[in-house]
Amino acid sequence: MASCPVDEQRVLLRAEGDLRMRRRLAALGLRRGAPVTLMMRTSGGGAVVSVAGARIALDRSMLSSLHTVSAEAVA
């Protein structure tokens, strides 16, 4: 997700990291199959993403743990 373009709809394939991080991401709505859009990047390497109608700020490590594919590739 860290290298995807801004405003492109993606689908979450998986989240890596320890169990605590994966549970936190799932609680925020970032689960396998969830549509997610990168809204803007931050200067520190993080980003704001949109998922399930909510905007969520993620730091660099959380963002790099998300693996996505283009929504068109899934359809």
N, C-alpha and C. Protein backbone atom coordinates (compact mmCIF):
# COMPACT_ATOMS: atom_id res chain seq x y z
N MET A 1 0.82 -1.19 0.00
CA MET A 1 0.00 0.00 0.00
C MET A 1 0.87 1.25 0.00
N ALA A 2 2.06 1.14 0.52
CA ALA A 2 2.93 2.31 0.63
C ALA A 2 3.30 2.89 -0.74
N SER A 3 3.29 2.07 -1.78
CA SER A 3 3.70 2.55 -3.09
C SER A 3 2.53 2.76 -4.06
N CYS A 4 1.31 2.58 -3.62
CA CYS A 4 0.18 2.74 -4.54
C CYS A 4 -0.13 4.22 -4.76
N PRO A 5 -0.73 4.54 -5.90
CA PRO A 5 -1.05 5.94 -6.20
C PRO A 5 -2.19 6.48 -5.33
N VAL A 6 -2.18 7.78 -5.11
CA VAL A 6 -3.23 8.45 -4.36
C VAL A 6 -4.53 8.39 -5.17
N ASP A 7 -5.65 8.22 -4.48
CA ASP A 7 -7.01 8.19 -5.04
C ASP A 7 -7.32 6.96 -5.88
N GLU A 8 -6.51 5.93 -5.83
CA GLU A 8 -6.83 4.69 -6.55
C GLU A 8 -7.47 3.71 -5.58
N GLN A 9 -8.62 3.18 -5.96
CA GLN A 9 -9.29 2.19 -5.10
C GLN A 9 -8.54 0.87 -5.17
N ARG A 10 -8.25 0.32 -3.99
CA ARG A 10 -7.52 -0.94 -3.86
C ARG A 10 -8.35 -1.90 -3.02
N VAL A 11 -7.98 -3.17 -3.03
CA VAL A 11 -8.62 -4.18 -2.19
C VAL A 11 -7.53 -4.79 -1.32
N LEU A 12 -7.78 -4.87 -0.03
CA LEU A 12 -6.79 -5.39 0.91
C LEU A 12 -6.70 -6.91 0.78
N LEU A 13 -5.49 -7.39 0.51
CA LEU A 13 -5.24 -8.83 0.43
C LEU A 13 -4.86 -9.39 1.78
N ARG A 14 -3.94 -8.73 2.46
CA ARG A 14 -3.51 -9.20 3.79
C ARG A 14 -2.76 -8.08 4.51
N ALA A 15 -2.69 -8.25 5.81
CA ALA A 15 -1.91 -7.35 6.66
C ALA A 15 -0.87 -8.19 7.38
N GLU A 16 0.36 -7.74 7.34
CA GLU A 16 1.43 -8.44 8.04
C GLU A 16 1.70 -7.74 9.37
N GLY A 17 2.48 -8.37 10.20
CA GLY A 17 2.83 -7.79 11.49
C GLY A 17 2.43 -8.71 12.61
N ASP A 18 2.68 -8.24 13.82
CA ASP A 18 2.34 -9.08 14.97
C ASP A 18 0.82 -9.10 15.17
N LEU A 19 0.38 -9.99 16.02
CA LEU A 19 -1.05 -10.19 16.26
C LEU A 19 -1.72 -8.91 16.74
N ARG A 20 -1.05 -8.17 17.59
CA ARG A 20 -1.62 -6.92 18.12
C ARG A 20 -1.89 -5.93 16.99
N MET A 21 -0.93 -5.77 16.07
CA MET A 21 -1.11 -4.84 14.96
C MET A 21 -2.24 -5.30 14.04
N ARG A 22 -2.28 -6.59 13.72
CA ARG A 22 -3.33 -7.10 12.84
C ARG A 22 -4.71 -6.93 13.47
N ARG A 23 -4.81 -7.14 14.77
CA ARG A 23 -6.10 -6.93 15.45
C ARG A 23 -6.50 -5.46 15.43
N ARG A 24 -5.54 -4.59 15.62
CA ARG A 24 -5.82 -3.15 15.59
C ARG A 24 -6.30 -2.73 14.21
N LEU A 25 -5.63 -3.19 13.17
CA LEU A 25 -6.05 -2.87 11.80
C LEU A 25 -7.44 -3.42 11.52
N ALA A 26 -7.73 -4.64 11.96
CA ALA A 26 -9.05 -5.24 11.75
C ALA A 26 -10.13 -4.43 12.48
N ALA A 27 -9.82 -3.95 13.68
CA ALA A 27 -10.77 -3.13 14.43
C ALA A 27 -11.07 -1.81 13.71
N LEU A 28 -10.11 -1.33 12.93
CA LEU A 28 -10.30 -0.10 12.15
C LEU A 28 -11.02 -0.37 10.83
N GLY A 29 -11.32 -1.63 10.53
CA GLY A 29 -12.01 -1.97 9.29
C GLY A 29 -11.09 -2.45 8.19
N LEU A 30 -9.80 -2.54 8.47
CA LEU A 30 -8.83 -2.98 7.46
C LEU A 30 -8.67 -4.49 7.54
N ARG A 31 -9.62 -5.19 6.88
CA ARG A 31 -9.65 -6.65 6.84
C ARG A 31 -9.50 -7.12 5.40
N ARG A 32 -9.17 -8.39 5.24
CA ARG A 32 -9.03 -8.96 3.90
C ARG A 32 -10.31 -8.73 3.09
N GLY A 33 -10.15 -8.24 1.87
CA GLY A 33 -11.29 -7.98 0.99
C GLY A 33 -11.88 -6.59 1.12
N ALA A 34 -11.43 -5.81 2.09
CA ALA A 34 -11.98 -4.47 2.30
C ALA A 34 -11.47 -3.51 1.22
N PRO A 35 -12.38 -2.73 0.62
CA PRO A 35 -11.93 -1.69 -0.32
C PRO A 35 -11.28 -0.55 0.46
N VAL A 36 -10.14 -0.12 0.00
CA VAL A 36 -9.38 0.94 0.68
C VAL A 36 -8.79 1.88 -0.35
N THR A 37 -8.80 3.18 -0.04
CA THR A 37 -8.26 4.20 -0.95
C THR A 37 -7.25 5.05 -0.20
N LEU A 38 -6.08 5.24 -0.78
CA LEU A 38 -5.07 6.12 -0.22
C LEU A 38 -5.49 7.56 -0.53
N MET A 39 -5.79 8.33 0.50
CA MET A 39 -6.30 9.69 0.31
C MET A 39 -5.17 10.72 0.19
N MET A 40 -4.16 10.59 1.06
CA MET A 40 -3.03 11.52 1.02
C MET A 40 -1.86 10.92 1.77
N ARG A 41 -0.67 11.34 1.40
CA ARG A 41 0.55 10.90 2.07
C ARG A 41 0.97 11.97 3.08
N THR A 42 1.67 11.53 4.12
CA THR A 42 2.19 12.47 5.11
C THR A 42 3.70 12.61 4.93
N SER A 43 4.26 13.65 5.48
CA SER A 43 5.69 13.89 5.31
C SER A 43 6.55 12.85 6.01
N GLY A 44 6.02 12.17 7.01
CA GLY A 44 6.78 11.16 7.75
C GLY A 44 6.73 9.77 7.15
N GLY A 45 6.09 9.62 5.99
CA GLY A 45 6.01 8.32 5.35
C GLY A 45 4.71 7.58 5.59
N GLY A 46 3.84 8.15 6.39
CA GLY A 46 2.53 7.56 6.63
C GLY A 46 1.53 8.04 5.59
N ALA A 47 0.26 7.80 5.87
CA ALA A 47 -0.78 8.21 4.93
C ALA A 47 -2.13 8.23 5.63
N VAL A 48 -3.08 8.88 4.97
CA VAL A 48 -4.47 8.84 5.38
C VAL A 48 -5.18 7.97 4.36
N VAL A 49 -5.89 6.95 4.84
CA VAL A 49 -6.62 6.05 3.95
C VAL A 49 -8.10 6.14 4.26
N SER A 50 -8.91 5.80 3.28
CA SER A 50 -10.35 5.75 3.45
C SER A 50 -10.78 4.29 3.38
N VAL A 51 -11.53 3.86 4.39
CA VAL A 51 -12.06 2.50 4.42
C VAL A 51 -13.42 2.54 5.11
N ALA A 52 -14.42 1.94 4.49
CA ALA A 52 -15.78 1.87 5.04
C ALA A 52 -16.32 3.24 5.42
N GLY A 53 -16.04 4.25 4.61
CA GLY A 53 -16.54 5.59 4.85
C GLY A 53 -15.80 6.39 5.90
N ALA A 54 -14.75 5.83 6.47
CA ALA A 54 -13.97 6.53 7.49
C ALA A 54 -12.57 6.83 6.96
N ARG A 55 -12.00 7.91 7.44
CA ARG A 55 -10.61 8.24 7.10
C ARG A 55 -9.74 7.88 8.30
N ILE A 56 -8.66 7.16 8.02
CA ILE A 56 -7.79 6.66 9.09
C ILE A 56 -6.36 7.05 8.77
N ALA A 57 -5.67 7.62 9.75
CA ALA A 57 -4.26 7.96 9.60
C ALA A 57 -3.42 6.76 10.04
N LEU A 58 -2.49 6.35 9.18
CA LEU A 58 -1.61 5.22 9.46
C LEU A 58 -0.16 5.68 9.42
N ASP A 59 0.65 5.19 10.34
CA ASP A 59 2.07 5.51 10.28
C ASP A 59 2.76 4.63 9.24
N ARG A 60 4.02 4.89 9.02
CA ARG A 60 4.78 4.20 7.97
C ARG A 60 4.77 2.68 8.16
N SER A 61 4.96 2.21 9.38
CA SER A 61 5.03 0.76 9.60
C SER A 61 3.69 0.09 9.35
N MET A 62 2.60 0.70 9.78
CA MET A 62 1.27 0.11 9.51
C MET A 62 0.97 0.13 8.02
N LEU A 63 1.31 1.22 7.36
CA LEU A 63 1.05 1.33 5.94
C LEU A 63 1.82 0.28 5.15
N SER A 64 3.08 0.07 5.51
CA SER A 64 3.89 -0.90 4.78
C SER A 64 3.48 -2.34 5.07
N SER A 65 2.70 -2.56 6.13
CA SER A 65 2.25 -3.92 6.43
C SER A 65 1.03 -4.33 5.61
N LEU A 66 0.41 -3.37 4.92
CA LEU A 66 -0.79 -3.66 4.14
C LEU A 66 -0.43 -4.04 2.71
N HIS A 67 -0.95 -5.16 2.25
CA HIS A 67 -0.73 -5.61 0.87
C HIS A 67 -2.06 -5.56 0.14
N THR A 68 -2.07 -4.81 -0.96
CA THR A 68 -3.31 -4.59 -1.69
C THR A 68 -3.13 -4.92 -3.17
N VAL A 69 -4.26 -4.96 -3.86
CA VAL A 69 -4.29 -5.13 -5.30
C VAL A 69 -5.31 -4.13 -5.84
N SER A 70 -5.15 -3.73 -7.08
CA SER A 70 -6.09 -2.81 -7.70
C SER A 70 -7.49 -3.41 -7.68
N ALA A 71 -8.49 -2.57 -7.45
CA ALA A 71 -9.87 -3.04 -7.40
C ALA A 71 -10.29 -3.63 -8.75
N GLU A 72 -9.74 -3.12 -9.84
CA GLU A 72 -10.07 -3.65 -11.17
C GLU A 72 -9.55 -5.07 -11.35
N ALA A 73 -8.45 -5.40 -10.70
CA ALA A 73 -7.88 -6.75 -10.82
C ALA A 73 -8.76 -7.79 -10.14
N VAL A 74 -9.54 -7.36 -9.15
CA VAL A 74 -10.41 -8.28 -8.41
C VAL A 74 -11.73 -8.48 -9.14
N ALA A 75 -12.21 -7.45 -9.79
CA ALA A 75 -13.53 -7.50 -10.44
C ALA A 75 -13.61 -8.43 -11.60
